[in-house]
Amino acid sequence: MTAKIYKPSKTATQSGQAKSSRWLLEHEAEKPREIEPLMGWTSSGDTRTQVKLSFASKEEAVAYAERKGLAYVVVEPQETKRRTMAYSDNFKTSRVGQWTH
């Protein structure tokens, strides 16, 4: 079983950076989910996929995985491709072009 160590991205619906500065370690599923015949819910006997451990740094997460003998993969965060702006930047006097509808 391998574990994935990654830094979650910022949510698209919020402008804040909450919960995006921590590194997460989560286990990948050993077997696929199954559909229960009685209720139709999806279920799994693998309870490790329900656990997400958070760490302050990537090094702490890697040290934990090595200490516990877990195979792990580190996924580096990608840089944002666009410049973040506030809505009020549309009305600045130093704006290059005129703001139009």
C-alpha atoms as a PDB file:
ATOM      1  CA  MET A   1       0.000   0.000   0.000  1.00  0.00           C
ATOM      2  CA  THR A   2       1.353   3.395  -0.954  1.00  0.00           C
ATOM      3  CA  ALA A   3       0.680   6.716   0.650  1.00  0.00           C
ATOM      4  CA  LYS A   4       0.386  10.037  -1.157  1.00  0.00           C
ATOM      5  CA  ILE A   5       1.979  13.119   0.413  1.00  0.00           C
ATOM      6  CA  TYR A   6       0.713  16.371  -1.055  1.00  0.00           C
ATOM      7  CA  LYS A   7      -0.153  19.962  -0.307  1.00  0.00           C
ATOM      8  CA  PRO A   8      -3.857  20.607  -1.038  1.00  0.00           C
ATOM      9  CA  SER A   9      -4.766  23.448  -3.348  1.00  0.00           C
ATOM     10  CA  LYS A  10      -6.866  26.424  -2.368  1.00  0.00           C
ATOM     11  CA  THR A  11     -10.592  25.900  -2.777  1.00  0.00           C
ATOM     12  CA  ALA A  12     -12.133  27.587  -5.798  1.00  0.00           C
ATOM     13  CA  THR A  13     -15.119  28.934  -3.870  1.00  0.00           C
ATOM     14  CA  GLN A  14     -13.129  30.804  -1.237  1.00  0.00           C
ATOM     15  CA  SER A  15     -10.536  33.546  -1.532  1.00  0.00           C
ATOM     16  CA  GLY A  16      -8.657  32.641   1.653  1.00  0.00           C
ATOM     17  CA  GLN A  17      -5.676  30.326   2.049  1.00  0.00           C
ATOM     18  CA  ALA A  18      -7.051  28.276   4.963  1.00  0.00           C
ATOM     19  CA  LYS A  19      -6.032  24.609   5.078  1.00  0.00           C
ATOM     20  CA  SER A  20      -3.706  25.015   2.104  1.00  0.00           C
ATOM     21  CA  SER A  21      -0.474  25.530   4.050  1.00  0.00           C
ATOM     22  CA  ARG A  22      -0.387  22.041   5.595  1.00  0.00           C
ATOM     23  CA  TRP A  23       0.865  18.837   3.962  1.00  0.00           C
ATOM     24  CA  LEU A  24      -1.449  15.808   3.913  1.00  0.00           C
ATOM     25  CA  LEU A  25      -0.640  12.110   3.951  1.00  0.00           C
ATOM     26  CA  GLU A  26      -3.413   9.853   2.741  1.00  0.00           C
ATOM     27  CA  HIS A  27      -3.393   6.190   1.805  1.00  0.00           C
ATOM     28  CA  GLU A  28      -4.412   4.967  -1.618  1.00  0.00           C
ATOM     29  CA  ALA A  29      -7.094   2.297  -1.831  1.00  0.00           C
ATOM     30  CA  GLU A  30      -5.919  -1.322  -1.924  1.00  0.00           C
ATOM     31  CA  LYS A  31      -9.097  -2.597  -3.521  1.00  0.00           C
ATOM     32  CA  PRO A  32     -11.926  -0.822  -5.352  1.00  0.00           C
ATOM     33  CA  ARG A  33     -15.173   0.132  -3.683  1.00  0.00           C
ATOM     34  CA  GLU A  34     -18.099  -2.256  -3.983  1.00  0.00           C
ATOM     35  CA  ILE A  35     -21.801  -1.568  -4.299  1.00  0.00           C
ATOM     36  CA  GLU A  36     -23.865  -3.168  -1.551  1.00  0.00           C
ATOM     37  CA  PRO A  37     -26.738  -5.145  -3.058  1.00  0.00           C
ATOM     38  CA  LEU A  38     -29.244  -4.305  -0.312  1.00  0.00           C
ATOM     39  CA  MET A  39     -29.094  -0.491  -0.155  1.00  0.00           C
ATOM     40  CA  GLY A  40     -26.979   0.352  -3.194  1.00  0.00           C
ATOM     41  CA  TRP A  41     -24.396   2.269  -1.166  1.00  0.00           C
ATOM     42  CA  THR A  42     -20.727   2.066  -2.007  1.00  0.00           C
ATOM     43  CA  SER A  43     -18.613   0.400   0.637  1.00  0.00           C
ATOM     44  CA  SER A  44     -15.062  -0.669   1.214  1.00  0.00           C
ATOM     45  CA  GLY A  45     -13.355  -2.905   3.714  1.00  0.00           C
ATOM     46  CA  ASP A  46     -10.226  -0.743   3.537  1.00  0.00           C
ATOM     47  CA  THR A  47     -10.432   1.724   6.438  1.00  0.00           C
ATOM     48  CA  ARG A  48      -7.043   3.343   5.789  1.00  0.00           C
ATOM     49  CA  THR A  49      -8.502   5.439   2.979  1.00  0.00           C
ATOM     50  CA  GLN A  50     -10.627   7.299   5.545  1.00  0.00           C
ATOM     51  CA  VAL A  51      -7.563   8.615   7.398  1.00  0.00           C
ATOM     52  CA  LYS A  52      -5.865  11.880   6.380  1.00  0.00           C
ATOM     53  CA  LEU A  53      -2.901  12.972   8.475  1.00  0.00           C
ATOM     54  CA  SER A  54      -1.759  16.592   8.302  1.00  0.00           C
ATOM     55  CA  PHE A  55       1.784  17.855   8.875  1.00  0.00           C
ATOM     56  CA  ALA A  56       3.348  21.300   9.072  1.00  0.00           C
ATOM     57  CA  SER A  57       6.035  20.499   6.496  1.00  0.00           C
ATOM     58  CA  LYS A  58       6.836  18.001   3.771  1.00  0.00           C
ATOM     59  CA  GLU A  59       9.865  16.772   5.701  1.00  0.00           C
ATOM     60  CA  GLU A  60       7.697  15.839   8.700  1.00  0.00           C
ATOM     61  CA  ALA A  61       5.335  13.840   6.482  1.00  0.00           C
ATOM     62  CA  VAL A  62       8.211  12.012   4.782  1.00  0.00           C
ATOM     63  CA  ALA A  63       9.850  11.268   8.150  1.00  0.00           C
ATOM     64  CA  TYR A  64       6.551   9.836   9.451  1.00  0.00           C
ATOM     65  CA  ALA A  65       6.138   7.607   6.387  1.00  0.00           C
ATOM     66  CA  GLU A  66       9.707   6.326   6.670  1.00  0.00           C
ATOM     67  CA  ARG A  67       9.369   5.747  10.418  1.00  0.00           C
ATOM     68  CA  LYS A  68       6.202   3.682   9.882  1.00  0.00           C
ATOM     69  CA  GLY A  69       7.689   1.811   6.908  1.00  0.00           C
ATOM     70  CA  LEU A  70       5.145   3.131   4.382  1.00  0.00           C
ATOM     71  CA  ALA A  71       5.840   3.342   0.679  1.00  0.00           C
ATOM     72  CA  TYR A  72       5.064   6.918  -0.314  1.00  0.00           C
ATOM     73  CA  VAL A  73       4.883   9.255  -3.281  1.00  0.00           C
ATOM     74  CA  VAL A  74       5.428  13.008  -2.870  1.00  0.00           C
ATOM     75  CA  VAL A  75       3.349  15.223  -5.166  1.00  0.00           C
ATOM     76  CA  GLU A  76       4.836  18.713  -5.367  1.00  0.00           C
ATOM     77  CA  PRO A  77       2.381  21.652  -5.524  1.00  0.00           C
ATOM     78  CA  GLN A  78       2.019  23.440  -8.838  1.00  0.00           C
ATOM     79  CA  GLU A  79       2.413  27.187  -9.130  1.00  0.00           C
ATOM     80  CA  THR A  80      -0.656  29.198 -10.064  1.00  0.00           C
ATOM     81  CA  LYS A  81      -0.643  30.359 -13.661  1.00  0.00           C
ATOM     82  CA  ARG A  82      -2.596  33.539 -13.204  1.00  0.00           C
ATOM     83  CA  ARG A  83      -2.081  36.524 -10.999  1.00  0.00           C
ATOM     84  CA  THR A  84      -4.601  36.760  -8.186  1.00  0.00           C
ATOM     85  CA  MET A  85      -6.538  39.991  -8.091  1.00  0.00           C
ATOM     86  CA  ALA A  86      -9.088  41.535  -5.829  1.00  0.00           C
ATOM     87  CA  TYR A  87     -12.338  42.918  -7.223  1.00  0.00           C
ATOM     88  CA  SER A  88     -11.321  46.400  -6.115  1.00  0.00           C
ATOM     89  CA  ASP A  89      -8.319  46.271  -8.487  1.00  0.00           C
ATOM     90  CA  ASN A  90     -10.768  46.964 -11.343  1.00  0.00           C
ATOM     91  CA  PHE A  91     -11.355  50.475 -10.005  1.00  0.00           C
ATOM     92  CA  LYS A  92      -7.815  51.574  -9.142  1.00  0.00           C
ATOM     93  CA  THR A  93      -6.636  54.900 -10.508  1.00  0.00           C
ATOM     94  CA  SER A  94      -3.348  53.289 -11.544  1.00  0.00           C
ATOM     95  CA  ARG A  95      -5.138  50.823 -13.835  1.00  0.00           C
ATOM     96  CA  VAL A  96      -3.658  50.753 -17.356  1.00  0.00           C
ATOM     97  CA  GLY A  97      -6.915  50.601 -19.315  1.00  0.00           C
ATOM     98  CA  GLN A  98     -10.346  51.997 -18.643  1.00  0.00           C
ATOM     99  CA  TRP A  99     -12.813  49.776 -16.848  1.00  0.00           C
ATOM    100  CA  THR A 100     -15.862  49.206 -19.012  1.00  0.00           C
ATOM    101  CA  HIS A 101     -18.918  47.043 -18.814  1.00  0.00           C
END
